N, C-alpha and C. Protein backbone atom coordinates (compact mmCIF):
# COMPACT_ATOMS: atom_id res chain seq x y z
N MET A 1 -26.02 100.67 10.17
CA MET A 1 -26.69 101.35 9.08
C MET A 1 -25.88 101.13 7.80
N ASN A 2 -26.56 100.88 6.72
CA ASN A 2 -25.92 100.71 5.43
C ASN A 2 -25.45 102.07 4.94
N ARG A 3 -24.16 102.20 4.66
CA ARG A 3 -23.60 103.50 4.29
C ARG A 3 -23.22 103.59 2.82
N HIS A 4 -23.72 102.70 1.99
CA HIS A 4 -23.41 102.79 0.56
C HIS A 4 -23.80 104.15 0.02
N GLY A 5 -22.93 104.72 -0.76
CA GLY A 5 -23.20 106.03 -1.34
C GLY A 5 -22.82 107.18 -0.45
N ALA A 6 -22.29 106.91 0.74
CA ALA A 6 -21.88 107.97 1.66
C ALA A 6 -20.47 108.43 1.31
N ILE A 7 -20.28 109.73 1.31
CA ILE A 7 -18.95 110.29 1.07
C ILE A 7 -18.70 111.40 2.08
N ASP A 8 -17.46 111.53 2.49
CA ASP A 8 -17.05 112.60 3.39
C ASP A 8 -16.37 113.68 2.55
N ILE A 9 -16.82 114.91 2.72
CA ILE A 9 -16.29 116.02 1.93
C ILE A 9 -16.04 117.21 2.84
N GLU A 10 -14.91 117.86 2.64
CA GLU A 10 -14.61 119.12 3.33
C GLU A 10 -15.41 120.21 2.64
N TRP A 11 -16.33 120.81 3.38
CA TRP A 11 -17.22 121.84 2.82
C TRP A 11 -17.78 122.67 3.97
N ALA A 12 -18.00 123.92 3.75
CA ALA A 12 -18.64 124.80 4.73
C ALA A 12 -17.90 124.81 6.07
N GLY A 13 -16.57 124.82 5.99
CA GLY A 13 -15.77 124.95 7.20
C GLY A 13 -15.58 123.68 8.00
N GLY A 14 -15.93 122.53 7.44
CA GLY A 14 -15.74 121.28 8.18
C GLY A 14 -15.94 120.08 7.29
N SER A 15 -15.74 118.91 7.87
CA SER A 15 -15.95 117.66 7.15
C SER A 15 -17.39 117.22 7.36
N HIS A 16 -18.07 116.92 6.27
CA HIS A 16 -19.47 116.52 6.34
C HIS A 16 -19.67 115.24 5.56
N THR A 17 -20.56 114.39 6.06
CA THR A 17 -20.94 113.18 5.36
C THR A 17 -22.19 113.48 4.55
N PHE A 18 -22.14 113.11 3.28
CA PHE A 18 -23.26 113.28 2.36
C PHE A 18 -23.67 111.90 1.88
N ARG A 19 -24.98 111.66 1.84
CA ARG A 19 -25.48 110.38 1.35
C ARG A 19 -26.92 110.54 0.88
N LEU A 20 -27.18 110.05 -0.30
CA LEU A 20 -28.54 110.00 -0.80
C LEU A 20 -28.99 108.55 -0.78
N GLY A 21 -29.68 108.17 0.29
CA GLY A 21 -30.28 106.85 0.36
C GLY A 21 -31.58 106.85 -0.43
N LEU A 22 -32.27 105.74 -0.45
CA LEU A 22 -33.50 105.65 -1.23
C LEU A 22 -34.55 106.67 -0.78
N ASP A 23 -34.67 106.89 0.53
CA ASP A 23 -35.63 107.88 1.03
C ASP A 23 -35.30 109.28 0.52
N GLN A 24 -34.02 109.63 0.57
CA GLN A 24 -33.60 110.95 0.11
C GLN A 24 -33.74 111.07 -1.42
N ILE A 25 -33.48 109.99 -2.13
CA ILE A 25 -33.64 110.02 -3.59
C ILE A 25 -35.11 110.25 -3.95
N GLU A 26 -36.00 109.56 -3.27
CA GLU A 26 -37.43 109.76 -3.54
C GLU A 26 -37.86 111.18 -3.21
N GLU A 27 -37.36 111.72 -2.10
CA GLU A 27 -37.69 113.10 -1.75
C GLU A 27 -37.10 114.08 -2.76
N LEU A 28 -35.88 113.82 -3.22
CA LEU A 28 -35.24 114.67 -4.22
C LEU A 28 -36.03 114.65 -5.52
N GLU A 29 -36.43 113.47 -5.97
CA GLU A 29 -37.21 113.36 -7.20
C GLU A 29 -38.52 114.15 -7.08
N ALA A 30 -39.17 114.07 -5.94
CA ALA A 30 -40.42 114.82 -5.73
C ALA A 30 -40.16 116.32 -5.68
N ALA A 31 -39.07 116.73 -5.03
CA ALA A 31 -38.78 118.15 -4.86
C ALA A 31 -38.44 118.83 -6.19
N VAL A 32 -37.76 118.11 -7.07
CA VAL A 32 -37.34 118.72 -8.34
C VAL A 32 -38.20 118.25 -9.51
N ASP A 33 -39.16 117.39 -9.23
CA ASP A 33 -40.11 116.89 -10.22
C ASP A 33 -39.43 116.27 -11.44
N MET A 34 -38.43 115.43 -11.16
CA MET A 34 -37.79 114.66 -12.23
C MET A 34 -37.10 113.45 -11.64
N SER A 35 -36.90 112.47 -12.49
CA SER A 35 -36.21 111.25 -12.10
C SER A 35 -34.76 111.57 -11.75
N ILE A 36 -34.19 110.79 -10.85
CA ILE A 36 -32.78 110.96 -10.49
C ILE A 36 -31.89 110.73 -11.71
N PHE A 37 -32.33 109.90 -12.64
CA PHE A 37 -31.55 109.64 -13.85
C PHE A 37 -31.54 110.86 -14.77
N VAL A 38 -32.67 111.53 -14.89
CA VAL A 38 -32.73 112.76 -15.67
C VAL A 38 -31.95 113.86 -14.97
N LEU A 39 -32.06 113.92 -13.65
CA LEU A 39 -31.31 114.91 -12.88
C LEU A 39 -29.81 114.70 -13.06
N HIS A 40 -29.36 113.46 -13.00
CA HIS A 40 -27.95 113.15 -13.21
C HIS A 40 -27.51 113.61 -14.59
N ALA A 41 -28.32 113.36 -15.61
CA ALA A 41 -28.01 113.81 -16.97
C ALA A 41 -27.96 115.33 -17.04
N ALA A 42 -28.89 115.99 -16.35
CA ALA A 42 -28.93 117.45 -16.35
C ALA A 42 -27.68 118.05 -15.71
N MET A 43 -27.20 117.44 -14.64
CA MET A 43 -26.02 117.94 -13.95
C MET A 43 -24.73 117.56 -14.67
N SER A 44 -24.76 116.49 -15.46
CA SER A 44 -23.55 115.98 -16.09
C SER A 44 -23.33 116.49 -17.51
N ALA A 45 -24.31 117.13 -18.09
CA ALA A 45 -24.22 117.58 -19.48
C ALA A 45 -23.11 118.61 -19.65
N ASP A 46 -22.54 118.65 -20.86
CA ASP A 46 -21.52 119.66 -21.17
C ASP A 46 -22.07 121.07 -20.96
N LEU A 47 -23.30 121.26 -21.32
CA LEU A 47 -24.00 122.51 -21.03
C LEU A 47 -25.13 122.14 -20.08
N PRO A 48 -24.83 122.12 -18.76
CA PRO A 48 -25.83 121.64 -17.79
C PRO A 48 -27.15 122.41 -17.90
N PHE A 49 -28.23 121.67 -17.86
CA PHE A 49 -29.54 122.30 -17.86
C PHE A 49 -30.23 122.13 -16.52
N ALA A 50 -29.43 121.84 -15.49
CA ALA A 50 -29.96 121.73 -14.14
C ALA A 50 -30.26 123.13 -13.60
N ARG A 51 -31.17 123.20 -12.66
CA ARG A 51 -31.56 124.46 -12.04
C ARG A 51 -30.92 124.58 -10.66
N VAL A 52 -30.93 125.77 -10.12
CA VAL A 52 -30.34 126.02 -8.80
C VAL A 52 -30.95 125.08 -7.76
N LYS A 53 -32.26 124.91 -7.80
CA LYS A 53 -32.94 124.04 -6.83
C LYS A 53 -32.42 122.61 -6.91
N HIS A 54 -32.03 122.16 -8.08
CA HIS A 54 -31.51 120.80 -8.22
C HIS A 54 -30.26 120.62 -7.37
N TYR A 55 -29.38 121.61 -7.38
CA TYR A 55 -28.15 121.53 -6.59
C TYR A 55 -28.43 121.71 -5.10
N SER A 56 -29.23 122.71 -4.76
CA SER A 56 -29.47 122.98 -3.33
C SER A 56 -30.20 121.81 -2.66
N GLU A 57 -31.17 121.22 -3.35
CA GLU A 57 -31.90 120.08 -2.77
C GLU A 57 -31.00 118.84 -2.69
N THR A 58 -30.15 118.63 -3.68
CA THR A 58 -29.22 117.50 -3.63
C THR A 58 -28.29 117.63 -2.44
N ILE A 59 -27.78 118.83 -2.21
CA ILE A 59 -26.87 119.07 -1.09
C ILE A 59 -27.60 118.93 0.24
N ARG A 60 -28.78 119.55 0.36
CA ARG A 60 -29.55 119.49 1.61
C ARG A 60 -29.91 118.05 1.96
N LEU A 61 -30.44 117.33 1.00
CA LEU A 61 -30.85 115.95 1.26
C LEU A 61 -29.64 115.04 1.46
N GLY A 62 -28.54 115.36 0.81
CA GLY A 62 -27.31 114.60 1.03
C GLY A 62 -26.81 114.75 2.46
N LEU A 63 -26.88 115.96 2.98
CA LEU A 63 -26.50 116.19 4.38
C LEU A 63 -27.41 115.41 5.33
N MET A 64 -28.71 115.46 5.06
CA MET A 64 -29.65 114.75 5.92
C MET A 64 -29.43 113.24 5.84
N GLY A 65 -29.20 112.73 4.64
CA GLY A 65 -28.91 111.31 4.47
C GLY A 65 -27.61 110.89 5.15
N GLY A 66 -26.71 111.87 5.30
CA GLY A 66 -25.45 111.62 5.99
C GLY A 66 -25.57 111.72 7.50
N GLY A 67 -26.76 112.03 7.99
CA GLY A 67 -27.00 112.04 9.43
C GLY A 67 -27.25 113.39 10.06
N MET A 68 -27.22 114.46 9.28
CA MET A 68 -27.44 115.78 9.84
C MET A 68 -28.94 116.03 10.05
N LYS A 69 -29.26 116.75 11.10
CA LYS A 69 -30.66 117.10 11.38
C LYS A 69 -31.16 118.05 10.29
N PRO A 70 -32.45 117.92 9.92
CA PRO A 70 -32.99 118.73 8.82
C PRO A 70 -32.79 120.24 8.99
N ILE A 71 -32.97 120.76 10.18
CA ILE A 71 -32.81 122.21 10.39
C ILE A 71 -31.35 122.61 10.19
N GLU A 72 -30.42 121.81 10.70
CA GLU A 72 -29.00 122.13 10.51
C GLU A 72 -28.61 122.08 9.04
N ALA A 73 -29.14 121.09 8.31
CA ALA A 73 -28.86 120.98 6.87
C ALA A 73 -29.39 122.20 6.13
N ARG A 74 -30.60 122.63 6.48
CA ARG A 74 -31.20 123.80 5.81
C ARG A 74 -30.38 125.06 6.08
N VAL A 75 -29.91 125.22 7.32
CA VAL A 75 -29.09 126.39 7.67
C VAL A 75 -27.80 126.41 6.85
N LEU A 76 -27.13 125.26 6.75
CA LEU A 76 -25.89 125.21 5.97
C LEU A 76 -26.15 125.50 4.50
N VAL A 77 -27.22 124.94 3.95
CA VAL A 77 -27.54 125.18 2.54
C VAL A 77 -27.88 126.65 2.32
N ARG A 78 -28.61 127.23 3.22
CA ARG A 78 -28.95 128.65 3.08
C ARG A 78 -27.67 129.50 3.09
N ARG A 79 -26.77 129.19 4.01
CA ARG A 79 -25.55 129.98 4.17
C ARG A 79 -24.53 129.72 3.06
N TYR A 80 -24.32 128.46 2.68
CA TYR A 80 -23.23 128.12 1.77
C TYR A 80 -23.67 127.80 0.34
N VAL A 81 -24.97 127.76 0.07
CA VAL A 81 -25.44 127.57 -1.29
C VAL A 81 -26.25 128.79 -1.72
N ASP A 82 -27.32 129.08 -0.99
CA ASP A 82 -28.21 130.18 -1.37
C ASP A 82 -27.54 131.55 -1.31
N GLU A 83 -26.63 131.76 -0.37
CA GLU A 83 -26.02 133.07 -0.17
C GLU A 83 -24.61 133.19 -0.75
N ARG A 84 -24.17 132.21 -1.50
CA ARG A 84 -22.83 132.21 -2.10
C ARG A 84 -22.96 132.20 -3.62
N PRO A 85 -21.87 132.44 -4.34
CA PRO A 85 -21.93 132.32 -5.80
C PRO A 85 -22.42 130.93 -6.20
N LEU A 86 -23.34 130.88 -7.12
CA LEU A 86 -23.99 129.62 -7.48
C LEU A 86 -23.03 128.58 -8.03
N GLY A 87 -22.00 129.02 -8.74
CA GLY A 87 -21.05 128.09 -9.31
C GLY A 87 -20.32 127.24 -8.28
N GLU A 88 -20.24 127.72 -7.04
CA GLU A 88 -19.56 126.97 -5.99
C GLU A 88 -20.28 125.67 -5.64
N SER A 89 -21.56 125.59 -5.92
CA SER A 89 -22.35 124.42 -5.53
C SER A 89 -22.45 123.36 -6.62
N VAL A 90 -22.04 123.71 -7.82
CA VAL A 90 -22.21 122.78 -8.94
C VAL A 90 -21.42 121.50 -8.73
N ALA A 91 -20.12 121.60 -8.48
CA ALA A 91 -19.29 120.41 -8.32
C ALA A 91 -19.75 119.56 -7.13
N LEU A 92 -20.12 120.22 -6.03
CA LEU A 92 -20.56 119.48 -4.85
C LEU A 92 -21.82 118.68 -5.15
N GLY A 93 -22.80 119.30 -5.77
CA GLY A 93 -24.03 118.60 -6.13
C GLY A 93 -23.76 117.42 -7.04
N GLN A 94 -22.86 117.61 -8.01
CA GLN A 94 -22.52 116.54 -8.94
C GLN A 94 -21.87 115.36 -8.21
N VAL A 95 -20.96 115.64 -7.29
CA VAL A 95 -20.25 114.58 -6.57
C VAL A 95 -21.22 113.78 -5.69
N ILE A 96 -22.12 114.48 -5.00
CA ILE A 96 -23.10 113.81 -4.13
C ILE A 96 -24.00 112.91 -4.96
N LEU A 97 -24.49 113.43 -6.07
CA LEU A 97 -25.39 112.64 -6.91
C LEU A 97 -24.66 111.47 -7.56
N ARG A 98 -23.43 111.68 -8.00
CA ARG A 98 -22.65 110.60 -8.61
C ARG A 98 -22.41 109.48 -7.59
N ALA A 99 -22.10 109.84 -6.35
CA ALA A 99 -21.89 108.83 -5.31
C ALA A 99 -23.16 108.02 -5.09
N ALA A 100 -24.31 108.69 -5.11
CA ALA A 100 -25.58 107.98 -4.93
C ALA A 100 -25.86 107.05 -6.11
N MET A 101 -25.56 107.51 -7.29
CA MET A 101 -25.82 106.71 -8.49
C MET A 101 -24.90 105.49 -8.55
N GLU A 102 -23.65 105.67 -8.15
CA GLU A 102 -22.68 104.59 -8.22
C GLU A 102 -22.66 103.75 -6.95
N ARG A 103 -23.31 104.23 -5.90
CA ARG A 103 -23.36 103.54 -4.61
C ARG A 103 -21.97 103.18 -4.10
N VAL A 104 -21.09 104.17 -4.15
CA VAL A 104 -19.75 103.96 -3.64
C VAL A 104 -19.80 103.78 -2.14
N HIS A 105 -18.73 103.28 -1.60
CA HIS A 105 -18.62 103.02 -0.16
C HIS A 105 -17.43 103.79 0.36
N SER A 106 -17.65 104.61 1.34
CA SER A 106 -16.56 105.40 1.90
C SER A 106 -15.83 104.61 2.98
N ALA A 107 -14.54 104.41 2.77
CA ALA A 107 -13.73 103.65 3.72
C ALA A 107 -13.59 104.38 5.04
N THR A 108 -13.84 105.68 5.07
CA THR A 108 -13.70 106.42 6.31
C THR A 108 -14.87 106.17 7.25
N LEU A 109 -15.94 105.57 6.76
CA LEU A 109 -17.12 105.37 7.59
C LEU A 109 -17.19 103.98 8.20
N GLU A 110 -16.70 102.97 7.49
CA GLU A 110 -16.71 101.61 8.02
C GLU A 110 -15.75 100.77 7.20
N ASP A 111 -15.42 99.60 7.70
CA ASP A 111 -14.51 98.72 6.97
C ASP A 111 -15.14 98.24 5.68
N ASP A 112 -14.29 97.97 4.71
CA ASP A 112 -14.76 97.48 3.42
C ASP A 112 -15.37 96.10 3.57
N GLU A 113 -16.39 95.86 2.77
CA GLU A 113 -16.98 94.55 2.67
C GLU A 113 -16.66 94.03 1.27
N PRO A 114 -16.62 92.72 1.09
CA PRO A 114 -16.28 92.18 -0.23
C PRO A 114 -17.17 92.75 -1.33
N GLY A 115 -16.53 93.09 -2.45
CA GLY A 115 -17.27 93.56 -3.62
C GLY A 115 -17.66 95.01 -3.59
N GLU A 116 -17.27 95.77 -2.59
CA GLU A 116 -17.65 97.17 -2.52
C GLU A 116 -16.59 98.05 -3.16
N GLN A 117 -17.04 99.17 -3.72
CA GLN A 117 -16.14 100.15 -4.28
C GLN A 117 -15.89 101.23 -3.25
N GLN A 118 -14.76 101.89 -3.37
CA GLN A 118 -14.47 103.01 -2.50
C GLN A 118 -14.60 104.30 -3.29
N ALA A 119 -15.03 105.35 -2.61
CA ALA A 119 -15.11 106.66 -3.24
C ALA A 119 -13.71 107.15 -3.55
N PRO A 120 -13.47 107.62 -4.76
CA PRO A 120 -12.15 108.14 -5.07
C PRO A 120 -11.89 109.40 -4.27
N LYS A 121 -10.82 109.39 -3.48
CA LYS A 121 -10.54 110.52 -2.61
C LYS A 121 -10.24 111.78 -3.40
N SER A 122 -9.57 111.66 -4.54
CA SER A 122 -9.22 112.84 -5.30
C SER A 122 -10.44 113.53 -5.88
N ASN A 123 -11.47 112.79 -6.29
CA ASN A 123 -12.66 113.40 -6.85
C ASN A 123 -13.40 114.23 -5.82
N ALA A 124 -13.59 113.69 -4.63
CA ALA A 124 -14.35 114.40 -3.61
C ALA A 124 -13.62 115.66 -3.16
N SER A 125 -12.30 115.55 -2.98
CA SER A 125 -11.59 116.71 -2.46
C SER A 125 -11.35 117.76 -3.53
N THR A 126 -11.14 117.35 -4.79
CA THR A 126 -10.89 118.34 -5.81
C THR A 126 -12.17 118.86 -6.45
N SER A 127 -13.21 118.05 -6.47
CA SER A 127 -14.44 118.47 -7.12
C SER A 127 -15.30 119.34 -6.22
N ALA A 128 -15.14 119.21 -4.93
CA ALA A 128 -15.98 119.96 -4.01
C ALA A 128 -15.11 120.60 -2.94
N PRO A 129 -14.48 121.73 -3.25
CA PRO A 129 -13.58 122.35 -2.30
C PRO A 129 -14.32 122.94 -1.09
N SER A 130 -13.57 123.14 -0.03
CA SER A 130 -14.14 123.80 1.14
C SER A 130 -14.51 125.23 0.78
N VAL A 131 -15.55 125.70 1.43
CA VAL A 131 -16.01 127.05 1.15
C VAL A 131 -15.99 127.81 2.46
N ALA A 132 -15.33 128.93 2.48
CA ALA A 132 -15.27 129.76 3.68
C ALA A 132 -16.19 130.97 3.49
N MET A 133 -16.86 131.34 4.54
CA MET A 133 -17.71 132.52 4.49
C MET A 133 -16.85 133.77 4.39
N PRO A 134 -17.23 134.70 3.52
CA PRO A 134 -16.47 135.95 3.46
C PRO A 134 -16.68 136.76 4.73
N SER A 135 -15.66 137.49 5.12
CA SER A 135 -15.80 138.28 6.36
C SER A 135 -16.28 139.67 6.09
């Protein structure tokens, strides 16, 4: 399977692979009713004009594109996005979308092929910290 744009991130108590392939990008565009390019601009602006659904759908579809079953992805998004402070999801959504836009290649998933870029490890780990459920 082509894994371009896949990134591994510590989130929701474990390591998860996120990837927005073309199918997930098309579904994301339909779900949020905007182009991925406009969505990227909305999430990247100094004063972001993205909506909560933009982040939750990016994260959910990123999990599914990374190989997670749809029901499991929805449960994690409900627990760690919908039921947590909204600001916690901003960096994660941005990182997933940026990886899809840049089509980075995660070295943790397969060996490098000529001409491929690797996801910067510091961006993924610092931009999207692990989130623990409050007790």
